[in-house]
Amino acid sequence: MGVFWHSILALIAFSLVDSSVYLMNDLLDLDSDRANPRKKDRSLAAGTIPIAGGTALIPVLFLAGLAIALAHGWAFVGILVLYNLLTVA
């Protein structure tokens, strides 16, 4: 596999892990997002995506990202886990 495809896989892995953090943030800020005129129409705040569905997607996205990251080795997995921990903190 060439450098291009490794880069694409890394981008997909990072995007999946980052999406899990984004969903978690949206769930934690749900009440304030619903009260905000600009954010009230977001999928979770508006109820387009059920809260249970958003909650269930967090580990799915995170684990899918880590599984793809394994193509780059454990060091890259560690970087993604560290990124996730720092972002959540």
PDB file of N, CA and C in Angstrom:
ATOM      1  N   MET A   1       0.863  -1.177   0.000  1.00  0.00           N
ATOM      2  CA  MET A   1       0.000   0.000   0.000  1.00  0.00           C
ATOM      3  C   MET A   1       0.906   1.237   0.000  1.00  0.00           C
ATOM      4  N   GLY A   2       0.578   2.187  -0.855  1.00  0.00           N
ATOM      5  CA  GLY A   2       1.414   3.360  -1.000  1.00  0.00           C
ATOM      6  C   GLY A   2       1.139   4.428   0.051  1.00  0.00           C
ATOM      7  N   VAL A   3       1.973   5.442   0.009  1.00  0.00           N
ATOM      8  CA  VAL A   3       1.865   6.545   0.957  1.00  0.00           C
ATOM      9  C   VAL A   3       0.509   7.237   0.849  1.00  0.00           C
ATOM     10  N   PHE A   4       0.008   7.384  -0.368  1.00  0.00           N
ATOM     11  CA  PHE A   4      -1.284   8.052  -0.559  1.00  0.00           C
ATOM     12  C   PHE A   4      -2.385   7.329   0.207  1.00  0.00           C
ATOM     13  N   TRP A   5      -2.459   5.996   0.055  1.00  0.00           N
ATOM     14  CA  TRP A   5      -3.529   5.236   0.701  1.00  0.00           C
ATOM     15  C   TRP A   5      -3.342   5.181   2.209  1.00  0.00           C
ATOM     16  N   HIS A   6      -2.104   5.150   2.668  1.00  0.00           N
ATOM     17  CA  HIS A   6      -1.864   5.221   4.112  1.00  0.00           C
ATOM     18  C   HIS A   6      -2.348   6.569   4.667  1.00  0.00           C
ATOM     19  N   SER A   7      -2.121   7.614   3.896  1.00  0.00           N
ATOM     20  CA  SER A   7      -2.585   8.943   4.318  1.00  0.00           C
ATOM     21  C   SER A   7      -4.107   9.010   4.354  1.00  0.00           C
ATOM     22  N   ILE A   8      -4.753   8.426   3.378  1.00  0.00           N
ATOM     23  CA  ILE A   8      -6.221   8.402   3.334  1.00  0.00           C
ATOM     24  C   ILE A   8      -6.766   7.629   4.539  1.00  0.00           C
ATOM     25  N   LEU A   9      -6.172   6.476   4.829  1.00  0.00           N
ATOM     26  CA  LEU A   9      -6.607   5.688   5.988  1.00  0.00           C
ATOM     27  C   LEU A   9      -6.400   6.449   7.291  1.00  0.00           C
ATOM     28  N   ALA A  10      -5.282   7.146   7.394  1.00  0.00           N
ATOM     29  CA  ALA A  10      -5.025   7.941   8.601  1.00  0.00           C
ATOM     30  C   ALA A  10      -6.063   9.054   8.741  1.00  0.00           C
ATOM     31  N   LEU A  11      -6.411   9.687   7.637  1.00  0.00           N
ATOM     32  CA  LEU A  11      -7.421  10.745   7.648  1.00  0.00           C
ATOM     33  C   LEU A  11      -8.780  10.184   8.071  1.00  0.00           C
ATOM     34  N   ILE A  12      -9.140   9.029   7.543  1.00  0.00           N
ATOM     35  CA  ILE A  12     -10.417   8.413   7.904  1.00  0.00           C
ATOM     36  C   ILE A  12     -10.425   8.034   9.380  1.00  0.00           C
ATOM     37  N   ALA A  13      -9.345   7.437   9.859  1.00  0.00           N
ATOM     38  CA  ALA A  13      -9.258   7.049  11.271  1.00  0.00           C
ATOM     39  C   ALA A  13      -9.381   8.267  12.172  1.00  0.00           C
ATOM     40  N   PHE A  14      -8.639   9.322  11.855  1.00  0.00           N
ATOM     41  CA  PHE A  14      -8.697  10.543  12.649  1.00  0.00           C
ATOM     42  C   PHE A  14     -10.096  11.149  12.609  1.00  0.00           C
ATOM     43  N   SER A  15     -10.719  11.158  11.452  1.00  0.00           N
ATOM     44  CA  SER A  15     -12.055  11.731  11.308  1.00  0.00           C
ATOM     45  C   SER A  15     -13.083  10.967  12.137  1.00  0.00           C
ATOM     46  N   LEU A  16     -12.984   9.658  12.159  1.00  0.00           N
ATOM     47  CA  LEU A  16     -13.918   8.858  12.946  1.00  0.00           C
ATOM     48  C   LEU A  16     -13.750   9.123  14.437  1.00  0.00           C
ATOM     49  N   VAL A  17     -12.503   9.144  14.899  1.00  0.00           N
ATOM     50  CA  VAL A  17     -12.249   9.422  16.321  1.00  0.00           C
ATOM     51  C   VAL A  17     -12.707  10.831  16.676  1.00  0.00           C
ATOM     52  N   ASP A  18     -12.412  11.786  15.817  1.00  0.00           N
ATOM     53  CA  ASP A  18     -12.827  13.165  16.063  1.00  0.00           C
ATOM     54  C   ASP A  18     -14.353  13.292  16.057  1.00  0.00           C
ATOM     55  N   SER A  19     -15.023  12.546  15.202  1.00  0.00           N
ATOM     56  CA  SER A  19     -16.482  12.581  15.166  1.00  0.00           C
ATOM     57  C   SER A  19     -17.089  12.052  16.464  1.00  0.00           C
ATOM     58  N   SER A  20     -16.442  11.072  17.073  1.00  0.00           N
ATOM     59  CA  SER A  20     -16.942  10.560  18.357  1.00  0.00           C
ATOM     60  C   SER A  20     -16.843  11.642  19.434  1.00  0.00           C
ATOM     61  N   VAL A  21     -15.769  12.421  19.402  1.00  0.00           N
ATOM     62  CA  VAL A  21     -15.614  13.523  20.355  1.00  0.00           C
ATOM     63  C   VAL A  21     -16.658  14.607  20.083  1.00  0.00           C
ATOM     64  N   TYR A  22     -16.892  14.899  18.819  1.00  0.00           N
ATOM     65  CA  TYR A  22     -17.878  15.909  18.441  1.00  0.00           C
ATOM     66  C   TYR A  22     -19.268  15.515  18.927  1.00  0.00           C
ATOM     67  N   LEU A  23     -19.627  14.249  18.752  1.00  0.00           N
ATOM     68  CA  LEU A  23     -20.931  13.777  19.218  1.00  0.00           C
ATOM     69  C   LEU A  23     -21.047  13.877  20.737  1.00  0.00           C
ATOM     70  N   MET A  24     -19.972  13.492  21.438  1.00  0.00           N
ATOM     71  CA  MET A  24     -19.982  13.569  22.890  1.00  0.00           C
ATOM     72  C   MET A  24     -20.177  15.014  23.336  1.00  0.00           C
ATOM     73  N   ASN A  25     -19.482  15.924  22.700  1.00  0.00           N
ATOM     74  CA  ASN A  25     -19.616  17.341  23.029  1.00  0.00           C
ATOM     75  C   ASN A  25     -21.037  17.829  22.780  1.00  0.00           C
ATOM     76  N   ASP A  26     -21.611  17.435  21.656  1.00  0.00           N
ATOM     77  CA  ASP A  26     -22.989  17.843  21.353  1.00  0.00           C
ATOM     78  C   ASP A  26     -23.976  17.300  22.385  1.00  0.00           C
ATOM     79  N   LEU A  27     -23.760  16.084  22.834  1.00  0.00           N
ATOM     80  CA  LEU A  27     -24.649  15.510  23.849  1.00  0.00           C
ATOM     81  C   LEU A  27     -24.497  16.218  25.193  1.00  0.00           C
ATOM     82  N   LEU A  28     -23.268  16.582  25.532  1.00  0.00           N
ATOM     83  CA  LEU A  28     -23.042  17.276  26.800  1.00  0.00           C
ATOM     84  C   LEU A  28     -23.581  18.701  26.779  1.00  0.00           C
ATOM     85  N   ASP A  29     -23.604  19.315  25.609  1.00  0.00           N
ATOM     86  CA  ASP A  29     -24.081  20.700  25.465  1.00  0.00           C
ATOM     87  C   ASP A  29     -25.514  20.776  24.944  1.00  0.00           C
ATOM     88  N   LEU A  30     -26.242  19.701  25.046  1.00  0.00           N
ATOM     89  CA  LEU A  30     -27.564  19.614  24.436  1.00  0.00           C
ATOM     90  C   LEU A  30     -28.510  20.722  24.899  1.00  0.00           C
ATOM     91  N   ASP A  31     -28.586  20.962  26.190  1.00  0.00           N
ATOM     92  CA  ASP A  31     -29.504  21.983  26.703  1.00  0.00           C
ATOM     93  C   ASP A  31     -29.132  23.380  26.218  1.00  0.00           C
ATOM     94  N   SER A  32     -27.842  23.696  26.251  1.00  0.00           N
ATOM     95  CA  SER A  32     -27.436  25.031  25.795  1.00  0.00           C
ATOM     96  C   SER A  32     -27.585  25.169  24.283  1.00  0.00           C
ATOM     97  N   ASP A  33     -27.365  24.082  23.541  1.00  0.00           N
ATOM     98  CA  ASP A  33     -27.557  24.128  22.087  1.00  0.00           C
ATOM     99  C   ASP A  33     -29.026  24.352  21.734  1.00  0.00           C
ATOM    100  N   ARG A  34     -29.928  23.739  22.488  1.00  0.00           N
ATOM    101  CA  ARG A  34     -31.362  23.915  22.226  1.00  0.00           C
ATOM    102  C   ARG A  34     -31.807  25.345  22.506  1.00  0.00           C
ATOM    103  N   ALA A  35     -31.134  26.014  23.436  1.00  0.00           N
ATOM    104  CA  ALA A  35     -31.486  27.388  23.778  1.00  0.00           C
ATOM    105  C   ALA A  35     -30.811  28.405  22.858  1.00  0.00           C
ATOM    106  N   ASN A  36     -29.807  27.969  22.109  1.00  0.00           N
ATOM    107  CA  ASN A  36     -29.054  28.866  21.240  1.00  0.00           C
ATOM    108  C   ASN A  36     -29.748  28.970  19.878  1.00  0.00           C
ATOM    109  N   PRO A  37     -30.064  30.194  19.420  1.00  0.00           N
ATOM    110  CA  PRO A  37     -30.768  30.335  18.140  1.00  0.00           C
ATOM    111  C   PRO A  37     -29.991  29.793  16.937  1.00  0.00           C
ATOM    112  N   ARG A  38     -28.666  29.811  16.983  1.00  0.00           N
ATOM    113  CA  ARG A  38     -27.877  29.294  15.854  1.00  0.00           C
ATOM    114  C   ARG A  38     -27.684  27.786  15.925  1.00  0.00           C
ATOM    115  N   LYS A  39     -27.667  27.214  17.132  1.00  0.00           N
ATOM    116  CA  LYS A  39     -27.362  25.797  17.289  1.00  0.00           C
ATOM    117  C   LYS A  39     -28.597  24.925  17.481  1.00  0.00           C
ATOM    118  N   LYS A  40     -29.751  25.535  17.663  1.00  0.00           N
ATOM    119  CA  LYS A  40     -30.966  24.768  17.979  1.00  0.00           C
ATOM    120  C   LYS A  40     -31.406  23.844  16.848  1.00  0.00           C
ATOM    121  N   ASP A  41     -30.951  24.079  15.634  1.00  0.00           N
ATOM    122  CA  ASP A  41     -31.348  23.252  14.499  1.00  0.00           C
ATOM    123  C   ASP A  41     -30.375  22.121  14.197  1.00  0.00           C
ATOM    124  N   ARG A  42     -29.330  21.979  15.022  1.00  0.00           N
ATOM    125  CA  ARG A  42     -28.415  20.854  14.843  1.00  0.00           C
ATOM    126  C   ARG A  42     -29.169  19.555  15.105  1.00  0.00           C
ATOM    127  N   SER A  43     -28.704  18.494  14.513  1.00  0.00           N
ATOM    128  CA  SER A  43     -29.440  17.226  14.513  1.00  0.00           C
ATOM    129  C   SER A  43     -29.838  16.726  15.894  1.00  0.00           C
ATOM    130  N   LEU A  44     -28.916  16.721  16.834  1.00  0.00           N
ATOM    131  CA  LEU A  44     -29.250  16.238  18.176  1.00  0.00           C
ATOM    132  C   LEU A  44     -30.138  17.227  18.918  1.00  0.00           C
ATOM    133  N   ALA A  45     -29.821  18.499  18.834  1.00  0.00           N
ATOM    134  CA  ALA A  45     -30.607  19.510  19.536  1.00  0.00           C
ATOM    135  C   ALA A  45     -32.030  19.580  19.001  1.00  0.00           C
ATOM    136  N   ALA A  46     -32.195  19.407  17.709  1.00  0.00           N
ATOM    137  CA  ALA A  46     -33.519  19.466  17.097  1.00  0.00           C
ATOM    138  C   ALA A  46     -34.285  18.159  17.242  1.00  0.00           C
ATOM    139  N   GLY A  47     -33.610  17.104  17.645  1.00  0.00           N
ATOM    140  CA  GLY A  47     -34.272  15.822  17.800  1.00  0.00           C
ATOM    141  C   GLY A  47     -34.335  15.002  16.523  1.00  0.00           C
ATOM    142  N   THR A  48     -33.656  15.450  15.473  1.00  0.00           N
ATOM    143  CA  THR A  48     -33.622  14.700  14.215  1.00  0.00           C
ATOM    144  C   THR A  48     -32.929  13.358  14.416  1.00  0.00           C
ATOM    145  N   ILE A  49     -31.853  13.374  15.199  1.00  0.00           N
ATOM    146  CA  ILE A  49     -31.162  12.149  15.594  1.00  0.00           C
ATOM    147  C   ILE A  49     -31.513  11.899  17.050  1.00  0.00           C
ATOM    148  N   PRO A  50     -32.053  10.741  17.378  1.00  0.00           N
ATOM    149  CA  PRO A  50     -32.397  10.457  18.773  1.00  0.00           C
ATOM    150  C   PRO A  50     -31.150  10.459  19.666  1.00  0.00           C
ATOM    151  N   ILE A  51     -31.312  10.873  20.892  1.00  0.00           N
ATOM    152  CA  ILE A  51     -30.192  10.924  21.834  1.00  0.00           C
ATOM    153  C   ILE A  51     -29.570   9.545  21.998  1.00  0.00           C
ATOM    154  N   ALA A  52     -30.412   8.511  22.060  1.00  0.00           N
ATOM    155  CA  ALA A  52     -29.887   7.142  22.202  1.00  0.00           C
ATOM    156  C   ALA A  52     -29.025   6.763  20.998  1.00  0.00           C
ATOM    157  N   GLY A  53     -29.426   7.188  19.809  1.00  0.00           N
ATOM    158  CA  GLY A  53     -28.639   6.907  18.613  1.00  0.00           C
ATOM    159  C   GLY A  53     -27.298   7.615  18.636  1.00  0.00           C
ATOM    160  N   GLY A  54     -27.312   8.874  19.051  1.00  0.00           N
ATOM    161  CA  GLY A  54     -26.060   9.626  19.157  1.00  0.00           C
ATOM    162  C   GLY A  54     -25.136   9.032  20.193  1.00  0.00           C
ATOM    163  N   THR A  55     -25.710   8.618  21.307  1.00  0.00           N
ATOM    164  CA  THR A  55     -24.920   8.003  22.372  1.00  0.00           C
ATOM    165  C   THR A  55     -24.311   6.682  21.904  1.00  0.00           C
ATOM    166  N   ALA A  56     -25.076   5.891  21.184  1.00  0.00           N
ATOM    167  CA  ALA A  56     -24.587   4.600  20.697  1.00  0.00           C
ATOM    168  C   ALA A  56     -23.497   4.772  19.642  1.00  0.00           C
ATOM    169  N   LEU A  57     -23.549   5.862  18.896  1.00  0.00           N
ATOM    170  CA  LEU A  57     -22.553   6.084  17.842  1.00  0.00           C
ATOM    171  C   LEU A  57     -21.172   6.451  18.375  1.00  0.00           C
ATOM    172  N   ILE A  58     -21.109   7.008  19.574  1.00  0.00           N
ATOM    173  CA  ILE A  58     -19.812   7.461  20.110  1.00  0.00           C
ATOM    174  C   ILE A  58     -18.796   6.315  20.158  1.00  0.00           C
ATOM    175  N   PRO A  59     -19.088   5.208  20.852  1.00  0.00           N
ATOM    176  CA  PRO A  59     -18.077   4.130  20.866  1.00  0.00           C
ATOM    177  C   PRO A  59     -17.889   3.463  19.502  1.00  0.00           C
ATOM    178  N   VAL A  60     -18.933   3.421  18.691  1.00  0.00           N
ATOM    179  CA  VAL A  60     -18.814   2.812  17.364  1.00  0.00           C
ATOM    180  C   VAL A  60     -17.810   3.598  16.512  1.00  0.00           C
ATOM    181  N   LEU A  61     -17.962   4.917  16.491  1.00  0.00           N
ATOM    182  CA  LEU A  61     -17.041   5.757  15.714  1.00  0.00           C
ATOM    183  C   LEU A  61     -15.625   5.677  16.261  1.00  0.00           C
ATOM    184  N   PHE A  62     -15.504   5.730  17.582  1.00  0.00           N
ATOM    185  CA  PHE A  62     -14.183   5.682  18.219  1.00  0.00           C
ATOM    186  C   PHE A  62     -13.471   4.369  17.906  1.00  0.00           C
ATOM    187  N   LEU A  63     -14.159   3.259  18.103  1.00  0.00           N
ATOM    188  CA  LEU A  63     -13.536   1.951  17.873  1.00  0.00           C
ATOM    189  C   LEU A  63     -13.257   1.700  16.394  1.00  0.00           C
ATOM    190  N   ALA A  64     -14.127   2.186  15.518  1.00  0.00           N
ATOM    191  CA  ALA A  64     -13.873   2.052  14.083  1.00  0.00           C
ATOM    192  C   ALA A  64     -12.622   2.831  13.690  1.00  0.00           C
ATOM    193  N   GLY A  65     -12.472   4.026  14.252  1.00  0.00           N
ATOM    194  CA  GLY A  65     -11.271   4.813  13.985  1.00  0.00           C
ATOM    195  C   GLY A  65     -10.011   4.116  14.462  1.00  0.00           C
ATOM    196  N   LEU A  66     -10.085   3.524  15.654  1.00  0.00           N
ATOM    197  CA  LEU A  66      -8.909   2.815  16.173  1.00  0.00           C
ATOM    198  C   LEU A  66      -8.604   1.571  15.353  1.00  0.00           C
ATOM    199  N   ALA A  67      -9.638   0.877  14.901  1.00  0.00           N
ATOM    200  CA  ALA A  67      -9.423  -0.321  14.082  1.00  0.00           C
ATOM    201  C   ALA A  67      -8.719   0.041  12.779  1.00  0.00           C
ATOM    202  N   ILE A  68      -9.133   1.124  12.157  1.00  0.00           N
ATOM    203  CA  ILE A  68      -8.482   1.565  10.917  1.00  0.00           C
ATOM    204  C   ILE A  68      -7.063   2.047  11.203  1.00  0.00           C
ATOM    205  N   ALA A  69      -6.884   2.698  12.367  1.00  0.00           N
ATOM    206  CA  ALA A  69      -5.560   3.203  12.737  1.00  0.00           C
ATOM    207  C   ALA A  69      -4.543   2.074  12.907  1.00  0.00           C
ATOM    208  N   LEU A  70      -5.022   0.874  13.222  1.00  0.00           N
ATOM    209  CA  LEU A  70      -4.105  -0.256  13.379  1.00  0.00           C
ATOM    210  C   LEU A  70      -3.312  -0.541  12.106  1.00  0.00           C
ATOM    211  N   ALA A  71      -3.816  -0.109  10.959  1.00  0.00           N
ATOM    212  CA  ALA A  71      -3.068  -0.278   9.709  1.00  0.00           C
ATOM    213  C   ALA A  71      -1.737   0.482   9.757  1.00  0.00           C
ATOM    214  N   HIS A  72      -1.671   1.483  10.633  1.00  0.00           N
ATOM    215  CA  HIS A  72      -0.448   2.283  10.782  1.00  0.00           C
ATOM    216  C   HIS A  72       0.381   1.852  11.978  1.00  0.00           C
ATOM    217  N   GLY A  73      -0.121   0.934  12.773  1.00  0.00           N
ATOM    218  CA  GLY A  73       0.628   0.447  13.928  1.00  0.00           C
ATOM    219  C   GLY A  73       0.122   1.037  15.236  1.00  0.00           C
ATOM    220  N   TRP A  74       0.652   0.469  16.301  1.00  0.00           N
ATOM    221  CA  TRP A  74       0.196   0.847  17.643  1.00  0.00           C
ATOM    222  C   TRP A  74       0.564   2.271  18.016  1.00  0.00           C
ATOM    223  N   ALA A  75       1.634   2.803  17.449  1.00  0.00           N
ATOM    224  CA  ALA A  75       2.022   4.183  17.762  1.00  0.00           C
ATOM    225  C   ALA A  75       0.937   5.158  17.308  1.00  0.00           C
ATOM    226  N   PHE A  76       0.391   4.928  16.122  1.00  0.00           N
ATOM    227  CA  PHE A  76      -0.666   5.808  15.622  1.00  0.00           C
ATOM    228  C   PHE A  76      -1.935   5.644  16.449  1.00  0.00           C
ATOM    229  N   VAL A  77      -2.236   4.411  16.846  1.00  0.00           N
ATOM    230  CA  VAL A  77      -3.385   4.182  17.730  1.00  0.00           C
ATOM    231  C   VAL A  77      -3.194   4.969  19.021  1.00  0.00           C
ATOM    232  N   GLY A  78      -1.994   4.921  19.571  1.00  0.00           N
ATOM    233  CA  GLY A  78      -1.694   5.673  20.797  1.00  0.00           C
ATOM    234  C   GLY A  78      -1.871   7.168  20.619  1.00  0.00           C
ATOM    235  N   ILE A  79      -1.456   7.670  19.469  1.00  0.00           N
ATOM    236  CA  ILE A  79      -1.620   9.102  19.187  1.00  0.00           C
ATOM    237  C   ILE A  79      -3.095   9.468  19.151  1.00  0.00           C
ATOM    238  N   LEU A  80      -3.912   8.629  18.513  1.00  0.00           N
ATOM    239  CA  LEU A  80      -5.351   8.907  18.450  1.00  0.00           C
ATOM    240  C   LEU A  80      -6.006   8.836  19.824  1.00  0.00           C
ATOM    241  N   VAL A  81      -5.588   7.870  20.633  1.00  0.00           N
ATOM    242  CA  VAL A  81      -6.136   7.770  21.993  1.00  0.00           C
ATOM    243  C   VAL A  81      -5.731   8.999  22.804  1.00  0.00           C
ATOM    244  N   LEU A  82      -4.472   9.405  22.689  1.00  0.00           N
ATOM    245  CA  LEU A  82      -4.011  10.610  23.394  1.00  0.00           C
ATOM    246  C   LEU A  82      -4.766  11.840  22.916  1.00  0.00           C
ATOM    247  N   TYR A  83      -4.956  11.972  21.615  1.00  0.00           N
ATOM    248  CA  TYR A  83      -5.741  13.083  21.065  1.00  0.00           C
ATOM    249  C   TYR A  83      -7.145  13.086  21.662  1.00  0.00           C
ATOM    250  N   ASN A  84      -7.755  11.901  21.706  1.00  0.00           N
ATOM    251  CA  ASN A  84      -9.115  11.782  22.242  1.00  0.00           C
ATOM    252  C   ASN A  84      -9.149  12.208  23.703  1.00  0.00           C
ATOM    253  N   LEU A  85      -8.211  11.738  24.501  1.00  0.00           N
ATOM    254  CA  LEU A  85      -8.169  12.089  25.919  1.00  0.00           C
ATOM    255  C   LEU A  85      -7.971  13.583  26.129  1.00  0.00           C
ATOM    256  N   LEU A  86      -7.068  14.183  25.364  1.00  0.00           N
ATOM    257  CA  LEU A  86      -6.814  15.621  25.501  1.00  0.00           C
ATOM    258  C   LEU A  86      -8.010  16.438  25.061  1.00  0.00           C
ATOM    259  N   THR A  87      -8.688  16.007  24.015  1.00  0.00           N
ATOM    260  CA  THR A  87      -9.842  16.739  23.518  1.00  0.00           C
ATOM    261  C   THR A  87     -11.007  16.647  24.497  1.00  0.00           C
ATOM    262  N   VAL A  88     -11.217  15.476  25.062  1.00  0.00           N
ATOM    263  CA  VAL A  88     -12.320  15.295  26.015  1.00  0.00           C
ATOM    264  C   VAL A  88     -12.043  16.060  27.306  1.00  0.00           C
ATOM    265  N   ALA A  89     -10.774  16.093  27.707  1.00  0.00           N
ATOM    266  CA  ALA A  89     -10.406  16.799  28.949  1.00  0.00           C
ATOM    267  C   ALA A  89     -10.642  18.279  28.777  1.00  0.00           C
TER     268      ALA A  89
END
